[in-house]
mmCIF file of all heavy atoms, coordinates in Angstrom:
data_MODEL
# 
_entry.id   MODEL 
# 
loop_
_atom_site.group_PDB 
_atom_site.id 
_atom_site.type_symbol 
_atom_site.label_atom_id 
_atom_site.label_alt_id 
_atom_site.label_comp_id 
_atom_site.label_asym_id 
_atom_site.label_entity_id 
_atom_site.label_seq_id 
_atom_site.pdbx_PDB_ins_code 
_atom_site.Cartn_x 
_atom_site.Cartn_y 
_atom_site.Cartn_z 
_atom_site.occupancy 
_atom_site.B_iso_or_equiv 
_atom_site.pdbx_formal_charge 
_atom_site.auth_seq_id 
_atom_site.auth_comp_id 
_atom_site.auth_asym_id 
_atom_site.auth_atom_id 
_atom_site.pdbx_PDB_model_num 
ATOM 1   N N   . GLU A 1 1  ? 295.683 -103.587 -5.539  1.00 0.00 ? 1  GLU A N   1 
ATOM 2   C CA  . GLU A 1 1  ? 296.899 -104.407 -5.580  1.00 0.00 ? 1  GLU A CA  1 
ATOM 3   C C   . GLU A 1 1  ? 296.689 -105.730 -4.848  1.00 0.00 ? 1  GLU A C   1 
ATOM 4   O O   . GLU A 1 1  ? 297.131 -106.782 -5.311  1.00 0.00 ? 1  GLU A O   1 
ATOM 5   C CB  . GLU A 1 1  ? 298.092 -103.644 -4.997  1.00 0.00 ? 1  GLU A CB  1 
ATOM 6   C CG  . GLU A 1 1  ? 298.634 -102.587 -5.923  1.00 0.00 ? 1  GLU A CG  1 
ATOM 7   C CD  . GLU A 1 1  ? 299.043 -103.136 -7.286  1.00 0.00 ? 1  GLU A CD  1 
ATOM 8   O OE1 . GLU A 1 1  ? 299.746 -104.171 -7.351  1.00 0.00 ? 1  GLU A OE1 1 
ATOM 9   O OE2 . GLU A 1 1  ? 298.634 -102.542 -8.303  1.00 0.00 ? 1  GLU A OE2 1 
ATOM 10  N N   . ASP A 1 2  ? 296.004 -105.680 -3.695  1.00 0.00 ? 2  ASP A N   1 
ATOM 11  C CA  . ASP A 1 2  ? 295.717 -106.897 -2.950  1.00 0.00 ? 2  ASP A CA  1 
ATOM 12  C C   . ASP A 1 2  ? 294.766 -107.791 -3.749  1.00 0.00 ? 2  ASP A C   1 
ATOM 13  O O   . ASP A 1 2  ? 294.908 -109.020 -3.743  1.00 0.00 ? 2  ASP A O   1 
ATOM 14  C CB  . ASP A 1 2  ? 295.117 -106.528 -1.590  1.00 0.00 ? 2  ASP A CB  1 
ATOM 15  C CG  . ASP A 1 2  ? 295.115 -107.692 -0.615  1.00 0.00 ? 2  ASP A CG  1 
ATOM 16  O OD1 . ASP A 1 2  ? 296.127 -108.407 -0.523  1.00 0.00 ? 2  ASP A OD1 1 
ATOM 17  O OD2 . ASP A 1 2  ? 294.077 -107.880 0.060   1.00 0.00 ? 2  ASP A OD2 1 
ATOM 18  N N   . LEU A 1 3  ? 293.809 -107.188 -4.445  1.00 0.00 ? 3  LEU A N   1 
ATOM 19  C CA  . LEU A 1 3  ? 292.902 -107.948 -5.303  1.00 0.00 ? 3  LEU A CA  1 
ATOM 20  C C   . LEU A 1 3  ? 293.675 -108.636 -6.422  1.00 0.00 ? 3  LEU A C   1 
ATOM 21  O O   . LEU A 1 3  ? 293.412 -109.806 -6.740  1.00 0.00 ? 3  LEU A O   1 
ATOM 22  C CB  . LEU A 1 3  ? 291.826 -107.033 -5.891  1.00 0.00 ? 3  LEU A CB  1 
ATOM 23  C CG  . LEU A 1 3  ? 290.912 -107.662 -6.937  1.00 0.00 ? 3  LEU A CG  1 
ATOM 24  C CD1 . LEU A 1 3  ? 290.121 -108.823 -6.349  1.00 0.00 ? 3  LEU A CD1 1 
ATOM 25  C CD2 . LEU A 1 3  ? 290.003 -106.614 -7.539  1.00 0.00 ? 3  LEU A CD2 1 
ATOM 26  N N   . LYS A 1 4  ? 294.620 -107.946 -7.033  1.00 0.00 ? 4  LYS A N   1 
ATOM 27  C CA  . LYS A 1 4  ? 295.430 -108.559 -8.090  1.00 0.00 ? 4  LYS A CA  1 
ATOM 28  C C   . LYS A 1 4  ? 296.140 -109.805 -7.575  1.00 0.00 ? 4  LYS A C   1 
ATOM 29  O O   . LYS A 1 4  ? 296.211 -110.829 -8.268  1.00 0.00 ? 4  LYS A O   1 
ATOM 30  C CB  . LYS A 1 4  ? 296.456 -107.563 -8.634  1.00 0.00 ? 4  LYS A CB  1 
ATOM 31  C CG  . LYS A 1 4  ? 295.843 -106.467 -9.479  1.00 0.00 ? 4  LYS A CG  1 
ATOM 32  C CD  . LYS A 1 4  ? 296.933 -105.508 -9.924  1.00 0.00 ? 4  LYS A CD  1 
ATOM 33  C CE  . LYS A 1 4  ? 296.390 -104.333 -10.695 1.00 0.00 ? 4  LYS A CE  1 
ATOM 34  N NZ  . LYS A 1 4  ? 297.476 -103.391 -11.071 1.00 0.00 ? 4  LYS A NZ  1 
ATOM 35  N N   . GLU A 1 5  ? 296.670 -109.730 -6.372  1.00 0.00 ? 5  GLU A N   1 
ATOM 36  C CA  . GLU A 1 5  ? 297.338 -110.890 -5.778  1.00 0.00 ? 5  GLU A CA  1 
ATOM 37  C C   . GLU A 1 5  ? 296.333 -112.015 -5.535  1.00 0.00 ? 5  GLU A C   1 
ATOM 38  O O   . GLU A 1 5  ? 296.625 -113.188 -5.791  1.00 0.00 ? 5  GLU A O   1 
ATOM 39  C CB  . GLU A 1 5  ? 298.037 -110.506 -4.472  1.00 0.00 ? 5  GLU A CB  1 
ATOM 40  C CG  . GLU A 1 5  ? 298.762 -111.650 -3.794  1.00 0.00 ? 5  GLU A CG  1 
ATOM 41  C CD  . GLU A 1 5  ? 299.876 -112.267 -4.641  1.00 0.00 ? 5  GLU A CD  1 
ATOM 42  O OE1 . GLU A 1 5  ? 300.406 -111.607 -5.562  1.00 0.00 ? 5  GLU A OE1 1 
ATOM 43  O OE2 . GLU A 1 5  ? 300.214 -113.443 -4.388  1.00 0.00 ? 5  GLU A OE2 1 
ATOM 44  N N   . ALA A 1 6  ? 295.145 -111.669 -5.051  1.00 0.00 ? 6  ALA A N   1 
ATOM 45  C CA  . ALA A 1 6  ? 294.109 -112.685 -4.833  1.00 0.00 ? 6  ALA A CA  1 
ATOM 46  C C   . ALA A 1 6  ? 293.708 -113.339 -6.154  1.00 0.00 ? 6  ALA A C   1 
ATOM 47  O O   . ALA A 1 6  ? 293.492 -114.558 -6.214  1.00 0.00 ? 6  ALA A O   1 
ATOM 48  C CB  . ALA A 1 6  ? 292.888 -112.050 -4.160  1.00 0.00 ? 6  ALA A CB  1 
ATOM 49  N N   . LEU A 1 7  ? 293.617 -112.554 -7.215  1.00 0.00 ? 7  LEU A N   1 
ATOM 50  C CA  . LEU A 1 7  ? 293.295 -113.112 -8.532  1.00 0.00 ? 7  LEU A CA  1 
ATOM 51  C C   . LEU A 1 7  ? 294.408 -114.033 -9.030  1.00 0.00 ? 7  LEU A C   1 
ATOM 52  O O   . LEU A 1 7  ? 294.137 -115.093 -9.600  1.00 0.00 ? 7  LEU A O   1 
ATOM 53  C CB  . LEU A 1 7  ? 293.034 -111.991 -9.539  1.00 0.00 ? 7  LEU A CB  1 
ATOM 54  C CG  . LEU A 1 7  ? 291.745 -111.198 -9.315  1.00 0.00 ? 7  LEU A CG  1 
ATOM 55  C CD1 . LEU A 1 7  ? 291.724 -109.963 -10.199 1.00 0.00 ? 7  LEU A CD1 1 
ATOM 56  C CD2 . LEU A 1 7  ? 290.525 -112.067 -9.555  1.00 0.00 ? 7  LEU A CD2 1 
ATOM 57  N N   . ARG A 1 8  ? 295.672 -113.638 -8.802  1.00 0.00 ? 8  ARG A N   1 
ATOM 58  C CA  . ARG A 1 8  ? 296.805 -114.498 -9.190  1.00 0.00 ? 8  ARG A CA  1 
ATOM 59  C C   . ARG A 1 8  ? 296.723 -115.847 -8.466  1.00 0.00 ? 8  ARG A C   1 
ATOM 60  O O   . ARG A 1 8  ? 296.918 -116.900 -9.063  1.00 0.00 ? 8  ARG A O   1 
ATOM 61  C CB  . ARG A 1 8  ? 298.132 -113.814 -8.875  1.00 0.00 ? 8  ARG A CB  1 
ATOM 62  C CG  . ARG A 1 8  ? 298.594 -112.855 -9.942  1.00 0.00 ? 8  ARG A CG  1 
ATOM 63  C CD  . ARG A 1 8  ? 300.031 -112.414 -9.715  1.00 0.00 ? 8  ARG A CD  1 
ATOM 64  N NE  . ARG A 1 8  ? 300.151 -111.419 -8.663  1.00 0.00 ? 8  ARG A NE  1 
ATOM 65  C CZ  . ARG A 1 8  ? 299.997 -110.105 -8.844  1.00 0.00 ? 8  ARG A CZ  1 
ATOM 66  N NH1 . ARG A 1 8  ? 299.710 -109.638 -10.036 1.00 0.00 ? 8  ARG A NH1 1 
ATOM 67  N NH2 . ARG A 1 8  ? 300.128 -109.268 -7.853  1.00 0.00 ? 8  ARG A NH2 1 
ATOM 68  N N   . LEU A 1 9  ? 296.420 -115.792 -7.167  1.00 0.00 ? 9  LEU A N   1 
ATOM 69  C CA  . LEU A 1 9  ? 296.318 -117.027 -6.389  1.00 0.00 ? 9  LEU A CA  1 
ATOM 70  C C   . LEU A 1 9  ? 295.132 -117.873 -6.848  1.00 0.00 ? 9  LEU A C   1 
ATOM 71  O O   . LEU A 1 9  ? 295.235 -119.102 -6.920  1.00 0.00 ? 9  LEU A O   1 
ATOM 72  C CB  . LEU A 1 9  ? 296.197 -116.700 -4.903  1.00 0.00 ? 9  LEU A CB  1 
ATOM 73  C CG  . LEU A 1 9  ? 297.443 -116.105 -4.262  1.00 0.00 ? 9  LEU A CG  1 
ATOM 74  C CD1 . LEU A 1 9  ? 297.147 -115.636 -2.841  1.00 0.00 ? 9  LEU A CD1 1 
ATOM 75  C CD2 . LEU A 1 9  ? 298.587 -117.107 -4.273  1.00 0.00 ? 9  LEU A CD2 1 
ATOM 76  N N   . TYR A 1 10 ? 294.008 -117.234 -7.152  1.00 0.00 ? 10 TYR A N   1 
ATOM 77  C CA  . TYR A 1 10 ? 292.848 -117.959 -7.654  1.00 0.00 ? 10 TYR A CA  1 
ATOM 78  C C   . TYR A 1 10 ? 293.210 -118.699 -8.939  1.00 0.00 ? 10 TYR A C   1 
ATOM 79  O O   . TYR A 1 10 ? 292.901 -119.881 -9.097  1.00 0.00 ? 10 TYR A O   1 
ATOM 80  C CB  . TYR A 1 10 ? 291.681 -116.998 -7.899  1.00 0.00 ? 10 TYR A CB  1 
ATOM 81  C CG  . TYR A 1 10 ? 290.420 -117.697 -8.331  1.00 0.00 ? 10 TYR A CG  1 
ATOM 82  C CD1 . TYR A 1 10 ? 289.496 -118.136 -7.393  1.00 0.00 ? 10 TYR A CD1 1 
ATOM 83  C CD2 . TYR A 1 10 ? 290.166 -117.956 -9.675  1.00 0.00 ? 10 TYR A CD2 1 
ATOM 84  C CE1 . TYR A 1 10 ? 288.355 -118.807 -7.783  1.00 0.00 ? 10 TYR A CE1 1 
ATOM 85  C CE2 . TYR A 1 10 ? 289.027 -118.626 -10.076 1.00 0.00 ? 10 TYR A CE2 1 
ATOM 86  C CZ  . TYR A 1 10 ? 288.120 -119.051 -9.126  1.00 0.00 ? 10 TYR A CZ  1 
ATOM 87  O OH  . TYR A 1 10 ? 286.989 -119.722 -9.518  1.00 0.00 ? 10 TYR A OH  1 
ATOM 88  N N   . ILE A 1 11 ? 293.867 -117.998 -9.841  1.00 0.00 ? 11 ILE A N   1 
ATOM 89  C CA  . ILE A 1 11 ? 294.262 -118.602 -11.121 1.00 0.00 ? 11 ILE A CA  1 
ATOM 90  C C   . ILE A 1 11 ? 295.280 -119.724 -10.898 1.00 0.00 ? 11 ILE A C   1 
ATOM 91  O O   . ILE A 1 11 ? 295.215 -120.765 -11.547 1.00 0.00 ? 11 ILE A O   1 
ATOM 92  C CB  . ILE A 1 11 ? 294.804 -117.526 -12.079 1.00 0.00 ? 11 ILE A CB  1 
ATOM 93  C CG1 . ILE A 1 11 ? 293.651 -116.611 -12.516 1.00 0.00 ? 11 ILE A CG1 1 
ATOM 94  C CG2 . ILE A 1 11 ? 295.500 -118.146 -13.281 1.00 0.00 ? 11 ILE A CG2 1 
ATOM 95  C CD1 . ILE A 1 11 ? 294.098 -115.341 -13.204 1.00 0.00 ? 11 ILE A CD1 1 
ATOM 96  N N   . GLU A 1 12 ? 296.182 -119.527 -9.949  1.00 0.00 ? 12 GLU A N   1 
ATOM 97  C CA  . GLU A 1 12 ? 297.179 -120.549 -9.650  1.00 0.00 ? 12 GLU A CA  1 
ATOM 98  C C   . GLU A 1 12 ? 296.518 -121.833 -9.157  1.00 0.00 ? 12 GLU A C   1 
ATOM 99  O O   . GLU A 1 12 ? 296.913 -122.937 -9.526  1.00 0.00 ? 12 GLU A O   1 
ATOM 100 C CB  . GLU A 1 12 ? 298.152 -120.016 -8.593  1.00 0.00 ? 12 GLU A CB  1 
ATOM 101 C CG  . GLU A 1 12 ? 299.334 -120.890 -8.319  1.00 0.00 ? 12 GLU A CG  1 
ATOM 102 C CD  . GLU A 1 12 ? 300.288 -120.230 -7.327  1.00 0.00 ? 12 GLU A CD  1 
ATOM 103 O OE1 . GLU A 1 12 ? 300.819 -119.156 -7.640  1.00 0.00 ? 12 GLU A OE1 1 
ATOM 104 O OE2 . GLU A 1 12 ? 300.474 -120.813 -6.246  1.00 0.00 ? 12 GLU A OE2 1 
ATOM 105 N N   . VAL A 1 13 ? 295.488 -121.687 -8.327  1.00 0.00 ? 13 VAL A N   1 
ATOM 106 C CA  . VAL A 1 13 ? 294.812 -122.854 -7.750  1.00 0.00 ? 13 VAL A CA  1 
ATOM 107 C C   . VAL A 1 13 ? 293.789 -123.450 -8.713  1.00 0.00 ? 13 VAL A C   1 
ATOM 108 O O   . VAL A 1 13 ? 293.753 -124.658 -8.924  1.00 0.00 ? 13 VAL A O   1 
ATOM 109 C CB  . VAL A 1 13 ? 294.129 -122.469 -6.414  1.00 0.00 ? 13 VAL A CB  1 
ATOM 110 C CG1 . VAL A 1 13 ? 293.243 -123.590 -5.902  1.00 0.00 ? 13 VAL A CG1 1 
ATOM 111 C CG2 . VAL A 1 13 ? 295.178 -122.104 -5.376  1.00 0.00 ? 13 VAL A CG2 1 
ATOM 112 N N   . ARG A 1 14 ? 292.953 -122.601 -9.301  1.00 0.00 ? 14 ARG A N   1 
ATOM 113 C CA  . ARG A 1 14 ? 291.831 -123.081 -10.126 1.00 0.00 ? 14 ARG A CA  1 
ATOM 114 C C   . ARG A 1 14 ? 292.151 -123.176 -11.611 1.00 0.00 ? 14 ARG A C   1 
ATOM 115 O O   . ARG A 1 14 ? 291.482 -123.892 -12.336 1.00 0.00 ? 14 ARG A O   1 
ATOM 116 C CB  . ARG A 1 14 ? 290.623 -122.161 -9.954  1.00 0.00 ? 14 ARG A CB  1 
ATOM 117 C CG  . ARG A 1 14 ? 290.155 -121.989 -8.549  1.00 0.00 ? 14 ARG A CG  1 
ATOM 118 C CD  . ARG A 1 14 ? 289.362 -123.162 -8.118  1.00 0.00 ? 14 ARG A CD  1 
ATOM 119 N NE  . ARG A 1 14 ? 288.855 -122.926 -6.771  1.00 0.00 ? 14 ARG A NE  1 
ATOM 120 C CZ  . ARG A 1 14 ? 287.958 -123.648 -6.205  1.00 0.00 ? 14 ARG A CZ  1 
ATOM 121 N NH1 . ARG A 1 14 ? 287.429 -124.658 -6.839  1.00 0.00 ? 14 ARG A NH1 1 
ATOM 122 N NH2 . ARG A 1 14 ? 287.576 -123.398 -4.972  1.00 0.00 ? 14 ARG A NH2 1 
ATOM 123 N N   . GLY A 1 15 ? 293.112 -122.367 -12.059 1.00 0.00 ? 15 GLY A N   1 
ATOM 124 C CA  . GLY A 1 15 ? 293.463 -122.350 -13.474 1.00 0.00 ? 15 GLY A CA  1 
ATOM 125 C C   . GLY A 1 15 ? 292.827 -121.174 -14.192 1.00 0.00 ? 15 GLY A C   1 
ATOM 126 O O   . GLY A 1 15 ? 291.777 -120.671 -13.785 1.00 0.00 ? 15 GLY A O   1 
ATOM 127 N N   . ILE A 1 16 ? 293.482 -120.743 -15.254 1.00 0.00 ? 16 ILE A N   1 
ATOM 128 C CA  . ILE A 1 16 ? 293.010 -119.591 -16.017 1.00 0.00 ? 16 ILE A CA  1 
ATOM 129 C C   . ILE A 1 16 ? 291.669 -119.870 -16.688 1.00 0.00 ? 16 ILE A C   1 
ATOM 130 O O   . ILE A 1 16 ? 290.806 -118.997 -16.766 1.00 0.00 ? 16 ILE A O   1 
ATOM 131 C CB  . ILE A 1 16 ? 294.073 -119.119 -17.042 1.00 0.00 ? 16 ILE A CB  1 
ATOM 132 C CG1 . ILE A 1 16 ? 293.656 -117.794 -17.676 1.00 0.00 ? 16 ILE A CG1 1 
ATOM 133 C CG2 . ILE A 1 16 ? 294.328 -120.180 -18.098 1.00 0.00 ? 16 ILE A CG2 1 
ATOM 134 C CD1 . ILE A 1 16 ? 293.622 -116.621 -16.754 1.00 0.00 ? 16 ILE A CD1 1 
ATOM 135 N N   . ASP A 1 17 ? 291.459 -121.105 -17.144 1.00 0.00 ? 17 ASP A N   1 
ATOM 136 C CA  . ASP A 1 17 ? 290.193 -121.429 -17.798 1.00 0.00 ? 17 ASP A CA  1 
ATOM 137 C C   . ASP A 1 17 ? 289.014 -121.291 -16.836 1.00 0.00 ? 17 ASP A C   1 
ATOM 138 O O   . ASP A 1 17 ? 287.951 -120.811 -17.213 1.00 0.00 ? 17 ASP A O   1 
ATOM 139 C CB  . ASP A 1 17 ? 290.230 -122.832 -18.393 1.00 0.00 ? 17 ASP A CB  1 
ATOM 140 C CG  . ASP A 1 17 ? 291.177 -122.942 -19.582 1.00 0.00 ? 17 ASP A CG  1 
ATOM 141 O OD1 . ASP A 1 17 ? 291.446 -121.898 -20.218 1.00 0.00 ? 17 ASP A OD1 1 
ATOM 142 O OD2 . ASP A 1 17 ? 291.648 -124.057 -19.865 1.00 0.00 ? 17 ASP A OD2 1 
ATOM 143 N N   . ALA A 1 18 ? 289.212 -121.705 -15.582 1.00 0.00 ? 18 ALA A N   1 
ATOM 144 C CA  . ALA A 1 18 ? 288.151 -121.577 -14.586 1.00 0.00 ? 18 ALA A CA  1 
ATOM 145 C C   . ALA A 1 18 ? 287.838 -120.110 -14.310 1.00 0.00 ? 18 ALA A C   1 
ATOM 146 O O   . ALA A 1 18 ? 286.674 -119.723 -14.212 1.00 0.00 ? 18 ALA A O   1 
ATOM 147 C CB  . ALA A 1 18 ? 288.542 -122.281 -13.291 1.00 0.00 ? 18 ALA A CB  1 
ATOM 148 N N   . ALA A 1 19 ? 288.872 -119.294 -14.205 1.00 0.00 ? 19 ALA A N   1 
ATOM 149 C CA  . ALA A 1 19 ? 288.663 -117.868 -13.964 1.00 0.00 ? 19 ALA A CA  1 
ATOM 150 C C   . ALA A 1 19 ? 287.964 -117.217 -15.151 1.00 0.00 ? 19 ALA A C   1 
ATOM 151 O O   . ALA A 1 19 ? 287.010 -116.452 -14.986 1.00 0.00 ? 19 ALA A O   1 
ATOM 152 C CB  . ALA A 1 19 ? 289.988 -117.174 -13.667 1.00 0.00 ? 19 ALA A CB  1 
ATOM 153 N N   . MET A 1 20 ? 288.419 -117.526 -16.350 1.00 0.00 ? 20 MET A N   1 
ATOM 154 C CA  . MET A 1 20 ? 287.839 -116.933 -17.549 1.00 0.00 ? 20 MET A CA  1 
ATOM 155 C C   . MET A 1 20 ? 286.382 -117.368 -17.747 1.00 0.00 ? 20 MET A C   1 
ATOM 156 O O   . MET A 1 20 ? 285.574 -116.600 -18.255 1.00 0.00 ? 20 MET A O   1 
ATOM 157 C CB  . MET A 1 20 ? 288.662 -117.300 -18.782 1.00 0.00 ? 20 MET A CB  1 
ATOM 158 C CG  . MET A 1 20 ? 290.058 -116.712 -18.782 1.00 0.00 ? 20 MET A CG  1 
ATOM 159 S SD  . MET A 1 20 ? 290.073 -114.926 -18.869 1.00 0.00 ? 20 MET A SD  1 
ATOM 160 C CE  . MET A 1 20 ? 289.575 -114.683 -20.560 1.00 0.00 ? 20 MET A CE  1 
ATOM 161 N N   . SER A 1 21 ? 286.058 -118.569 -17.323 1.00 0.00 ? 21 SER A N   1 
ATOM 162 C CA  . SER A 1 21 ? 284.683 -119.047 -17.491 1.00 0.00 ? 21 SER A CA  1 
ATOM 163 C C   . SER A 1 21 ? 283.704 -118.288 -16.603 1.00 0.00 ? 21 SER A C   1 
ATOM 164 O O   . SER A 1 21 ? 282.500 -118.284 -16.873 1.00 0.00 ? 21 SER A O   1 
ATOM 165 C CB  . SER A 1 21 ? 284.595 -120.547 -17.199 1.00 0.00 ? 21 SER A CB  1 
ATOM 166 O OG  . SER A 1 21 ? 284.713 -120.799 -15.816 1.00 0.00 ? 21 SER A OG  1 
ATOM 167 N N   . LEU A 1 22 ? 284.196 -117.651 -15.554 1.00 0.00 ? 22 LEU A N   1 
ATOM 168 C CA  . LEU A 1 22 ? 283.329 -116.901 -14.647 1.00 0.00 ? 22 LEU A CA  1 
ATOM 169 C C   . LEU A 1 22 ? 283.067 -115.471 -15.112 1.00 0.00 ? 22 LEU A C   1 
ATOM 170 O O   . LEU A 1 22 ? 282.096 -114.843 -14.704 1.00 0.00 ? 22 LEU A O   1 
ATOM 171 C CB  . LEU A 1 22 ? 283.946 -116.859 -13.245 1.00 0.00 ? 22 LEU A CB  1 
ATOM 172 C CG  . LEU A 1 22 ? 284.091 -118.201 -12.546 1.00 0.00 ? 22 LEU A CG  1 
ATOM 173 C CD1 . LEU A 1 22 ? 284.847 -118.020 -11.240 1.00 0.00 ? 22 LEU A CD1 1 
ATOM 174 C CD2 . LEU A 1 22 ? 282.732 -118.834 -12.309 1.00 0.00 ? 22 LEU A CD2 1 
ATOM 175 N N   . VAL A 1 23 ? 283.937 -114.970 -15.949 1.00 0.00 ? 23 VAL A N   1 
ATOM 176 C CA  . VAL A 1 23 ? 283.838 -113.573 -16.372 1.00 0.00 ? 23 VAL A CA  1 
ATOM 177 C C   . VAL A 1 23 ? 282.791 -113.448 -17.474 1.00 0.00 ? 23 VAL A C   1 
ATOM 178 O O   . VAL A 1 23 ? 282.816 -114.186 -18.452 1.00 0.00 ? 23 VAL A O   1 
ATOM 179 C CB  . VAL A 1 23 ? 285.204 -113.052 -16.873 1.00 0.00 ? 23 VAL A CB  1 
ATOM 180 C CG1 . VAL A 1 23 ? 285.085 -111.639 -17.393 1.00 0.00 ? 23 VAL A CG1 1 
ATOM 181 C CG2 . VAL A 1 23 ? 286.233 -113.131 -15.758 1.00 0.00 ? 23 VAL A CG2 1 
ATOM 182 N N   . CYS A 1 24 ? 281.897 -112.521 -17.295 1.00 0.00 ? 24 CYS A N   1 
ATOM 183 C CA  . CYS A 1 24 ? 280.848 -112.271 -18.284 1.00 0.00 ? 24 CYS A CA  1 
ATOM 184 C C   . CYS A 1 24 ? 281.235 -111.015 -19.060 1.00 0.00 ? 24 CYS A C   1 
ATOM 185 O O   . CYS A 1 24 ? 280.960 -109.895 -18.627 1.00 0.00 ? 24 CYS A O   1 
ATOM 186 C CB  . CYS A 1 24 ? 279.509 -112.089 -17.592 1.00 0.00 ? 24 CYS A CB  1 
ATOM 187 S SG  . CYS A 1 24 ? 278.166 -111.828 -18.735 1.00 0.00 ? 24 CYS A SG  1 
ATOM 188 N N   . PRO A 1 25 ? 281.885 -111.167 -20.224 1.00 0.00 ? 25 PRO A N   1 
ATOM 189 C CA  . PRO A 1 25 ? 282.401 -110.001 -20.945 1.00 0.00 ? 25 PRO A CA  1 
ATOM 190 C C   . PRO A 1 25 ? 281.321 -109.093 -21.526 1.00 0.00 ? 25 PRO A C   1 
ATOM 191 O O   . PRO A 1 25 ? 281.591 -107.959 -21.871 1.00 0.00 ? 25 PRO A O   1 
ATOM 192 C CB  . PRO A 1 25 ? 283.242 -110.623 -22.064 1.00 0.00 ? 25 PRO A CB  1 
ATOM 193 C CG  . PRO A 1 25 ? 282.661 -111.972 -22.270 1.00 0.00 ? 25 PRO A CG  1 
ATOM 194 C CD  . PRO A 1 25 ? 282.152 -112.406 -20.923 1.00 0.00 ? 25 PRO A CD  1 
ATOM 195 N N   . ARG A 1 26 ? 280.109 -109.579 -21.636 1.00 0.00 ? 26 ARG A N   1 
ATOM 196 C CA  . ARG A 1 26 ? 279.054 -108.762 -22.221 1.00 0.00 ? 26 ARG A CA  1 
ATOM 197 C C   . ARG A 1 26 ? 278.183 -108.080 -21.180 1.00 0.00 ? 26 ARG A C   1 
ATOM 198 O O   . ARG A 1 26 ? 277.201 -107.437 -21.536 1.00 0.00 ? 26 ARG A O   1 
ATOM 199 C CB  . ARG A 1 26 ? 278.194 -109.620 -23.131 1.00 0.00 ? 26 ARG A CB  1 
ATOM 200 C CG  . ARG A 1 26 ? 279.003 -110.129 -24.307 1.00 0.00 ? 26 ARG A CG  1 
ATOM 201 C CD  . ARG A 1 26 ? 278.127 -110.733 -25.347 1.00 0.00 ? 26 ARG A CD  1 
ATOM 202 N NE  . ARG A 1 26 ? 278.989 -111.152 -26.447 1.00 0.00 ? 26 ARG A NE  1 
ATOM 203 C CZ  . ARG A 1 26 ? 278.837 -112.263 -27.123 1.00 0.00 ? 26 ARG A CZ  1 
ATOM 204 N NH1 . ARG A 1 26 ? 277.845 -113.061 -26.836 1.00 0.00 ? 26 ARG A NH1 1 
ATOM 205 N NH2 . ARG A 1 26 ? 279.655 -112.570 -28.101 1.00 0.00 ? 26 ARG A NH2 1 
ATOM 206 N N   . ALA A 1 27 ? 278.513 -108.226 -19.935 1.00 0.00 ? 27 ALA A N   1 
ATOM 207 C CA  . ALA A 1 27 ? 277.718 -107.588 -18.887 1.00 0.00 ? 27 ALA A CA  1 
ATOM 208 C C   . ALA A 1 27 ? 277.848 -106.076 -18.986 1.00 0.00 ? 27 ALA A C   1 
ATOM 209 O O   . ALA A 1 27 ? 278.898 -105.541 -19.308 1.00 0.00 ? 27 ALA A O   1 
ATOM 210 C CB  . ALA A 1 27 ? 278.180 -108.054 -17.509 1.00 0.00 ? 27 ALA A CB  1 
ATOM 211 N N   . VAL A 1 28 ? 276.756 -105.411 -18.714 1.00 0.00 ? 28 VAL A N   1 
ATOM 212 C CA  . VAL A 1 28 ? 276.733 -103.953 -18.696 1.00 0.00 ? 28 VAL A CA  1 
ATOM 213 C C   . VAL A 1 28 ? 276.405 -103.526 -17.274 1.00 0.00 ? 28 VAL A C   1 
ATOM 214 O O   . VAL A 1 28 ? 275.433 -104.000 -16.692 1.00 0.00 ? 28 VAL A O   1 
ATOM 215 C CB  . VAL A 1 28 ? 275.671 -103.399 -19.676 1.00 0.00 ? 28 VAL A CB  1 
ATOM 216 C CG1 . VAL A 1 28 ? 275.580 -101.899 -19.566 1.00 0.00 ? 28 VAL A CG1 1 
ATOM 217 C CG2 . VAL A 1 28 ? 275.987 -103.826 -21.092 1.00 0.00 ? 28 VAL A CG2 1 
# 
């Protein structure tokens, strides 16, 4: 739950595009 809040704040400051650009959806 605390991580979810940290992610919300990250997105609020950096933007959703910045957050999405960091995620590697094909990682195993």
